[in-house]
Amino acid sequence: MLLKKGVQVKVISGKDKGKTGEILEINRRHNKVKIKSIGMIKKHLKPTKENKGGIISKESFIHQSNVKNIDVKINDKKKTGKK
């Protein structure tokens, strides 16, 4: 499957099944992707001089086998080939 940053994908399994989003980051070593507003987790931050601290929500990585490519441009390239 062709996954690149900025491609639209749909989650096909897990707690966010059925949601769609854009790929923000790819970790090829662990075969994981980070998708915009999918796989949200809570992170506790300690207060520092430049940061107030508190609880923030951010995206976490999900395995690339749990997503399906729905970007029209990439799907068209994939279907064309030698006959």
C-alpha atoms as a PDB file:
ATOM      1  CA  MET A   1       0.000   0.000   0.000  1.00  0.00           C
ATOM      2  CA  LEU A   2       1.265   3.448  -0.879  1.00  0.00           C
ATOM      3  CA  LEU A   3       1.198   5.649   2.221  1.00  0.00           C
ATOM      4  CA  LYS A   4       2.636   9.143   2.156  1.00  0.00           C
ATOM      5  CA  LYS A   5       2.317  12.227   4.299  1.00  0.00           C
ATOM      6  CA  GLY A   6      -0.851  14.150   3.442  1.00  0.00           C
ATOM      7  CA  VAL A   7      -2.758  11.178   1.954  1.00  0.00           C
ATOM      8  CA  GLN A   8      -6.398  10.596   3.005  1.00  0.00           C
ATOM      9  CA  VAL A   9      -6.967   7.232   4.736  1.00  0.00           C
ATOM     10  CA  LYS A  10      -9.859   5.437   6.440  1.00  0.00           C
ATOM     11  CA  VAL A  11      -9.487   3.425   9.666  1.00  0.00           C
ATOM     12  CA  ILE A  12     -10.774  -0.131   9.126  1.00  0.00           C
ATOM     13  CA  SER A  13     -10.287  -1.554  12.638  1.00  0.00           C
ATOM     14  CA  GLY A  14      -9.882  -0.422  16.227  1.00  0.00           C
ATOM     15  CA  LYS A  15     -11.689   2.094  18.412  1.00  0.00           C
ATOM     16  CA  ASP A  16     -11.812   4.720  15.623  1.00  0.00           C
ATOM     17  CA  LYS A  17     -13.192   2.342  12.975  1.00  0.00           C
ATOM     18  CA  GLY A  18     -14.889   4.130  10.074  1.00  0.00           C
ATOM     19  CA  LYS A  19     -13.241   7.526  10.626  1.00  0.00           C
ATOM     20  CA  THR A  20     -11.195   9.218   7.933  1.00  0.00           C
ATOM     21  CA  GLY A  21      -8.263  11.584   8.193  1.00  0.00           C
ATOM     22  CA  GLU A  22      -4.992  12.826   6.764  1.00  0.00           C
ATOM     23  CA  ILE A  23      -1.623  11.224   7.527  1.00  0.00           C
ATOM     24  CA  LEU A  24       0.542  13.549   9.628  1.00  0.00           C
ATOM     25  CA  GLU A  25       3.572  11.347  10.269  1.00  0.00           C
ATOM     26  CA  ILE A  26       4.886   7.904   9.271  1.00  0.00           C
ATOM     27  CA  ASN A  27       7.180   5.641  11.303  1.00  0.00           C
ATOM     28  CA  ARG A  28       8.476   3.140   8.734  1.00  0.00           C
ATOM     29  CA  ARG A  29      10.646   1.293  11.275  1.00  0.00           C
ATOM     30  CA  HIS A  30       7.625   0.210  13.343  1.00  0.00           C
ATOM     31  CA  ASN A  31       5.087   0.289  10.441  1.00  0.00           C
ATOM     32  CA  LYS A  32       2.899   2.892  12.164  1.00  0.00           C
ATOM     33  CA  VAL A  33       1.156   6.075  11.049  1.00  0.00           C
ATOM     34  CA  LYS A  34      -0.192   9.132  12.872  1.00  0.00           C
ATOM     35  CA  ILE A  35      -3.520  10.406  11.524  1.00  0.00           C
ATOM     36  CA  LYS A  36      -5.067  13.824  12.176  1.00  0.00           C
ATOM     37  CA  SER A  37      -7.640  13.686  15.050  1.00  0.00           C
ATOM     38  CA  ILE A  38      -7.616   9.848  15.207  1.00  0.00           C
ATOM     39  CA  GLY A  39      -6.185   7.759  18.046  1.00  0.00           C
ATOM     40  CA  MET A  40      -6.342  10.621  20.534  1.00  0.00           C
ATOM     41  CA  ILE A  41      -4.631  10.078  23.908  1.00  0.00           C
ATOM     42  CA  LYS A  42      -4.345  12.192  27.057  1.00  0.00           C
ATOM     43  CA  LYS A  43      -0.852  13.333  28.084  1.00  0.00           C
ATOM     44  CA  HIS A  44      -0.047  14.871  31.460  1.00  0.00           C
ATOM     45  CA  LEU A  45       2.497  17.700  31.276  1.00  0.00           C
ATOM     46  CA  LYS A  46       4.484  18.924  34.237  1.00  0.00           C
ATOM     47  CA  PRO A  47       4.562  22.724  34.670  1.00  0.00           C
ATOM     48  CA  THR A  48       7.804  24.448  33.668  1.00  0.00           C
ATOM     49  CA  LYS A  49       8.906  28.071  33.267  1.00  0.00           C
ATOM     50  CA  GLU A  50       7.763  28.238  29.636  1.00  0.00           C
ATOM     51  CA  ASN A  51       4.880  25.726  29.839  1.00  0.00           C
ATOM     52  CA  LYS A  52       1.809  25.926  32.073  1.00  0.00           C
ATOM     53  CA  GLY A  53       1.344  22.165  32.253  1.00  0.00           C
ATOM     54  CA  GLY A  54      -1.890  20.191  32.594  1.00  0.00           C
ATOM     55  CA  ILE A  55      -3.597  17.511  30.536  1.00  0.00           C
ATOM     56  CA  ILE A  56      -3.451  17.764  26.742  1.00  0.00           C
ATOM     57  CA  SER A  57      -4.911  15.575  23.983  1.00  0.00           C
ATOM     58  CA  LYS A  58      -2.732  14.493  21.085  1.00  0.00           C
ATOM     59  CA  GLU A  59      -2.661  11.907  18.300  1.00  0.00           C
ATOM     60  CA  SER A  60      -0.920   8.586  18.793  1.00  0.00           C
ATOM     61  CA  PHE A  61       0.423   6.120  16.235  1.00  0.00           C
ATOM     62  CA  ILE A  62      -1.708   3.269  14.881  1.00  0.00           C
ATOM     63  CA  HIS A  63      -0.511   0.311  12.824  1.00  0.00           C
ATOM     64  CA  GLN A  64      -0.593   0.800   9.059  1.00  0.00           C
ATOM     65  CA  SER A  65      -2.491  -2.467   8.550  1.00  0.00           C
ATOM     66  CA  ASN A  66      -5.477  -0.844  10.293  1.00  0.00           C
ATOM     67  CA  VAL A  67      -5.868   1.873   7.631  1.00  0.00           C
ATOM     68  CA  LYS A  68      -7.078   1.864   4.021  1.00  0.00           C
ATOM     69  CA  ASN A  69      -6.044   4.359   1.345  1.00  0.00           C
ATOM     70  CA  ILE A  70      -9.001   6.418   0.037  1.00  0.00           C
ATOM     71  CA  ASP A  71      -7.089   9.136  -1.837  1.00  0.00           C
ATOM     72  CA  VAL A  72      -8.471   9.299  -5.402  1.00  0.00           C
ATOM     73  CA  LYS A  73      -5.226  10.389  -7.092  1.00  0.00           C
ATOM     74  CA  ILE A  74      -3.162   7.531  -5.662  1.00  0.00           C
ATOM     75  CA  ASN A  75      -5.874   4.906  -6.317  1.00  0.00           C
ATOM     76  CA  ASP A  76      -6.047   5.891  -9.999  1.00  0.00           C
ATOM     77  CA  LYS A  77      -2.277   5.495 -10.402  1.00  0.00           C
ATOM     78  CA  LYS A  78      -2.401   2.126  -8.696  1.00  0.00           C
ATOM     79  CA  LYS A  79      -5.106   0.719 -11.003  1.00  0.00           C
ATOM     80  CA  THR A  80      -3.402   1.672 -14.268  1.00  0.00           C
ATOM     81  CA  GLY A  81      -0.763  -0.662 -15.559  1.00  0.00           C
ATOM     82  CA  LYS A  82       0.263  -3.023 -18.370  1.00  0.00           C
ATOM     83  CA  LYS A  83      -2.372  -5.250 -19.917  1.00  0.00           C
END
